[in-house]
C-alpha atoms as a PDB file:
ATOM      1  CA  HIS A   1     -57.894  77.007  73.588  1.00  0.00           C
ATOM      2  CA  VAL A   2     -61.255  78.094  75.094  1.00  0.00           C
ATOM      3  CA  GLN A   3     -64.746  77.981  73.626  1.00  0.00           C
ATOM      4  CA  LEU A   4     -67.397  80.380  74.934  1.00  0.00           C
ATOM      5  CA  VAL A   5     -71.139  80.170  74.267  1.00  0.00           C
ATOM      6  CA  GLU A   6     -73.515  82.898  75.476  1.00  0.00           C
ATOM      7  CA  SER A   7     -77.239  82.478  76.099  1.00  0.00           C
ATOM      8  CA  GLY A   8     -80.117  84.245  77.817  1.00  0.00           C
ATOM      9  CA  GLY A   9     -80.589  87.272  75.618  1.00  0.00           C
ATOM     10  CA  GLY A  10     -83.993  88.462  74.450  1.00  0.00           C
ATOM     11  CA  LEU A  11     -86.540  91.249  74.322  1.00  0.00           C
ATOM     12  CA  VAL A  12     -87.450  92.948  77.586  1.00  0.00           C
ATOM     13  CA  GLN A  13     -89.321  96.100  78.576  1.00  0.00           C
ATOM     14  CA  PRO A  14     -87.549  99.038  80.245  1.00  0.00           C
ATOM     15  CA  GLY A  15     -87.146  98.361  83.938  1.00  0.00           C
ATOM     16  CA  GLY A  16     -87.077  94.611  83.375  1.00  0.00           C
ATOM     17  CA  SER A  17     -84.392  92.024  84.055  1.00  0.00           C
ATOM     18  CA  LEU A  18     -82.443  89.365  82.207  1.00  0.00           C
ATOM     19  CA  ARG A  19     -79.762  86.873  83.152  1.00  0.00           C
ATOM     20  CA  LEU A  20     -77.067  86.073  80.645  1.00  0.00           C
ATOM     21  CA  SER A  21     -74.969  82.925  80.830  1.00  0.00           C
ATOM     22  CA  CYS A  22     -71.662  82.046  79.215  1.00  0.00           C
ATOM     23  CA  ALA A  23     -70.628  78.405  79.156  1.00  0.00           C
ATOM     24  CA  ALA A  24     -66.898  77.890  78.849  1.00  0.00           C
ATOM     25  CA  SER A  25     -65.094  74.763  77.705  1.00  0.00           C
ATOM     26  CA  GLY A  26     -61.503  73.914  77.021  1.00  0.00           C
ATOM     27  CA  ARG A  27     -58.547  75.168  79.080  1.00  0.00           C
ATOM     28  CA  THR A  28     -60.660  77.429  81.258  1.00  0.00           C
ATOM     29  CA  TYR A  29     -58.586  76.795  84.374  1.00  0.00           C
ATOM     30  CA  SER A  30     -55.754  78.814  82.920  1.00  0.00           C
ATOM     31  CA  TYR A  31     -57.542  82.138  82.847  1.00  0.00           C
ATOM     32  CA  ASP A  32     -58.502  84.154  85.897  1.00  0.00           C
ATOM     33  CA  CYS A  33     -60.090  87.152  84.159  1.00  0.00           C
ATOM     34  CA  MET A  34     -63.420  86.816  82.389  1.00  0.00           C
ATOM     35  CA  GLY A  35     -65.676  89.621  81.309  1.00  0.00           C
ATOM     36  CA  TRP A  36     -68.829  90.799  79.598  1.00  0.00           C
ATOM     37  CA  PHE A  37     -68.781  93.295  76.766  1.00  0.00           C
ATOM     38  CA  ARG A  38     -71.467  94.805  74.568  1.00  0.00           C
ATOM     39  CA  GLN A  39     -71.810  96.463  71.194  1.00  0.00           C
ATOM     40  CA  PRO A  40     -74.819  98.767  70.746  1.00  0.00           C
ATOM     41  CA  PRO A  41     -76.161  99.304  67.215  1.00  0.00           C
ATOM     42  CA  GLY A  42     -73.816 101.538  65.247  1.00  0.00           C
ATOM     43  CA  LYS A  43     -71.348 101.885  68.111  1.00  0.00           C
ATOM     44  CA  GLU A  44     -68.070 100.341  69.182  1.00  0.00           C
ATOM     45  CA  ARG A  45     -67.756  97.396  71.524  1.00  0.00           C
ATOM     46  CA  GLU A  46     -67.335  98.382  75.168  1.00  0.00           C
ATOM     47  CA  GLY A  47     -66.529  96.689  78.447  1.00  0.00           C
ATOM     48  CA  VAL A  48     -69.398  96.100  80.860  1.00  0.00           C
ATOM     49  CA  ALA A  49     -68.113  93.969  83.748  1.00  0.00           C
ATOM     50  CA  ALA A  50     -65.222  91.673  84.598  1.00  0.00           C
ATOM     51  CA  ILE A  51     -64.387  89.248  87.377  1.00  0.00           C
ATOM     52  CA  ASP A  52     -61.199  87.698  88.713  1.00  0.00           C
ATOM     53  CA  SER A  53     -61.772  84.075  89.683  1.00  0.00           C
ATOM     54  CA  SER A  54     -58.686  84.004  91.904  1.00  0.00           C
ATOM     55  CA  ASN A  55     -60.121  86.506  94.397  1.00  0.00           C
ATOM     56  CA  GLY A  56     -63.694  87.323  93.264  1.00  0.00           C
ATOM     57  CA  ARG A  57     -62.795  90.945  92.621  1.00  0.00           C
ATOM     58  CA  THR A  58     -65.197  92.615  90.171  1.00  0.00           C
ATOM     59  CA  ASN A  59     -64.963  95.625  87.903  1.00  0.00           C
ATOM     60  CA  TYR A  60     -67.921  97.472  86.367  1.00  0.00           C
ATOM     61  CA  ALA A  61     -68.429 100.181  83.810  1.00  0.00           C
ATOM     62  CA  THR A  62     -69.899 103.304  85.362  1.00  0.00           C
ATOM     63  CA  SER A  63     -73.007 103.068  83.175  1.00  0.00           C
ATOM     64  CA  VAL A  64     -74.039  99.710  84.652  1.00  0.00           C
ATOM     65  CA  LYS A  65     -72.753  99.926  88.223  1.00  0.00           C
ATOM     66  CA  GLY A  66     -75.553  99.151  90.685  1.00  0.00           C
ATOM     67  CA  ARG A  67     -77.757  97.590  87.991  1.00  0.00           C
ATOM     68  CA  PHE A  68     -75.688  94.699  86.616  1.00  0.00           C
ATOM     69  CA  THR A  69     -73.992  91.929  88.584  1.00  0.00           C
ATOM     70  CA  ILE A  70     -71.283  89.629  87.244  1.00  0.00           C
ATOM     71  CA  SER A  71     -70.669  86.253  88.831  1.00  0.00           C
ATOM     72  CA  ARG A  72     -68.820  83.078  88.035  1.00  0.00           C
ATOM     73  CA  ASP A  73     -69.389  79.441  88.941  1.00  0.00           C
ATOM     74  CA  ASN A  74     -65.971  77.845  88.533  1.00  0.00           C
ATOM     75  CA  ALA A  75     -67.322  74.346  89.174  1.00  0.00           C
ATOM     76  CA  LYS A  76     -69.687  74.719  86.218  1.00  0.00           C
ATOM     77  CA  ASN A  77     -67.261  76.788  84.113  1.00  0.00           C
ATOM     78  CA  THR A  78     -70.051  79.310  83.646  1.00  0.00           C
ATOM     79  CA  LEU A  79     -70.022  83.093  83.736  1.00  0.00           C
ATOM     80  CA  TYR A  80     -73.199  85.057  84.460  1.00  0.00           C
ATOM     81  CA  LEU A  81     -74.413  88.604  84.070  1.00  0.00           C
ATOM     82  CA  GLN A  82     -77.579  89.657  85.899  1.00  0.00           C
ATOM     83  CA  LEU A  83     -79.100  92.695  84.227  1.00  0.00           C
ATOM     84  CA  ASN A  84     -81.617  94.665  86.316  1.00  0.00           C
ATOM     85  CA  SER A  85     -83.391  97.990  85.803  1.00  0.00           C
ATOM     86  CA  LEU A  86     -82.751  97.744  82.090  1.00  0.00           C
ATOM     87  CA  LYS A  87     -82.814 100.871  79.956  1.00  0.00           C
ATOM     88  CA  THR A  88     -83.289 101.294  76.216  1.00  0.00           C
ATOM     89  CA  GLU A  89     -79.630 102.286  75.962  1.00  0.00           C
ATOM     90  CA  ASP A  90     -78.642  98.818  77.218  1.00  0.00           C
ATOM     91  CA  THR A  91     -79.768  97.397  73.871  1.00  0.00           C
ATOM     92  CA  ALA A  92     -76.747  95.668  72.350  1.00  0.00           C
ATOM     93  CA  ILE A  93     -75.137  92.395  71.432  1.00  0.00           C
ATOM     94  CA  TYR A  94     -73.534  91.075  74.614  1.00  0.00           C
ATOM     95  CA  TYR A  95     -70.314  89.061  74.431  1.00  0.00           C
ATOM     96  CA  CYS A  96     -68.384  87.150  77.040  1.00  0.00           C
ATOM     97  CA  ALA A  97     -64.622  86.891  76.882  1.00  0.00           C
ATOM     98  CA  SER A  98     -61.793  85.198  78.765  1.00  0.00           C
ATOM     99  CA  ASP A  99     -58.033  85.557  79.284  1.00  0.00           C
ATOM    100  CA  GLY A 100     -57.968  89.266  79.967  1.00  0.00           C
ATOM    101  CA  SER A 101     -55.324  91.349  81.680  1.00  0.00           C
ATOM    102  CA  ILE A 102     -55.172  92.783  85.181  1.00  0.00           C
ATOM    103  CA  VAL A 103     -54.825  96.525  85.545  1.00  0.00           C
ATOM    104  CA  TYR A 104     -54.239  98.084  88.980  1.00  0.00           C
ATOM    105  CA  GLY A 105     -55.441  94.864  90.603  1.00  0.00           C
ATOM    106  CA  TYR A 106     -58.692  94.525  88.651  1.00  0.00           C
ATOM    107  CA  CYS A 107     -59.588  92.581  85.533  1.00  0.00           C
ATOM    108  CA  SER A 108     -59.531  94.942  82.607  1.00  0.00           C
ATOM    109  CA  LEU A 109     -62.611  96.233  80.773  1.00  0.00           C
ATOM    110  CA  GLY A 110     -60.509  96.783  77.677  1.00  0.00           C
ATOM    111  CA  LEU A 111     -60.885  94.706  74.523  1.00  0.00           C
ATOM    112  CA  ASP A 112     -57.581  92.854  74.963  1.00  0.00           C
ATOM    113  CA  TYR A 113     -59.198  89.534  75.881  1.00  0.00           C
ATOM    114  CA  LYS A 114     -57.972  86.552  73.935  1.00  0.00           C
ATOM    115  CA  TYR A 115     -61.124  84.409  73.607  1.00  0.00           C
ATOM    116  CA  TRP A 116     -64.595  85.612  72.644  1.00  0.00           C
ATOM    117  CA  GLY A 117     -68.059  84.130  72.325  1.00  0.00           C
ATOM    118  CA  GLN A 118     -70.412  84.718  69.410  1.00  0.00           C
ATOM    119  CA  GLY A 119     -72.687  87.080  71.327  1.00  0.00           C
ATOM    120  CA  THR A 120     -76.333  87.196  72.395  1.00  0.00           C
ATOM    121  CA  GLN A 121     -78.783  89.974  71.539  1.00  0.00           C
ATOM    122  CA  VAL A 122     -80.418  92.007  74.299  1.00  0.00           C
ATOM    123  CA  THR A 123     -83.173  94.380  73.199  1.00  0.00           C
ATOM    124  CA  VAL A 124     -84.826  96.747  75.656  1.00  0.00           C
ATOM    125  CA  SER A 125     -87.987  98.245  74.171  1.00  0.00           C
END
């Protein structure tokens, strides 16, 4: 079992930056794929970025590519998401997740991850 706790959300102006963290505990060594997802107000949850700890390979949604950076510190069991050049449409609850699948050699951005955090609110206004 894995527990995930996100932090770092908040209110930021358009063009600003935030860094989200996700602290993992439990059997984290078992799962290579971890990812960030978000759910904008009134919309469905969507994949944002994912990373494979076995090879460092990353996968990004088109809407965030070049602005967001996912990283992982395996020694600290912590997942990060650096959000730059934020737009109002990035407003959402951001979730981290672990134990995802690999599709065509990359960690999936689908919702089929087994473990989820409680989310952290990011508001761009």
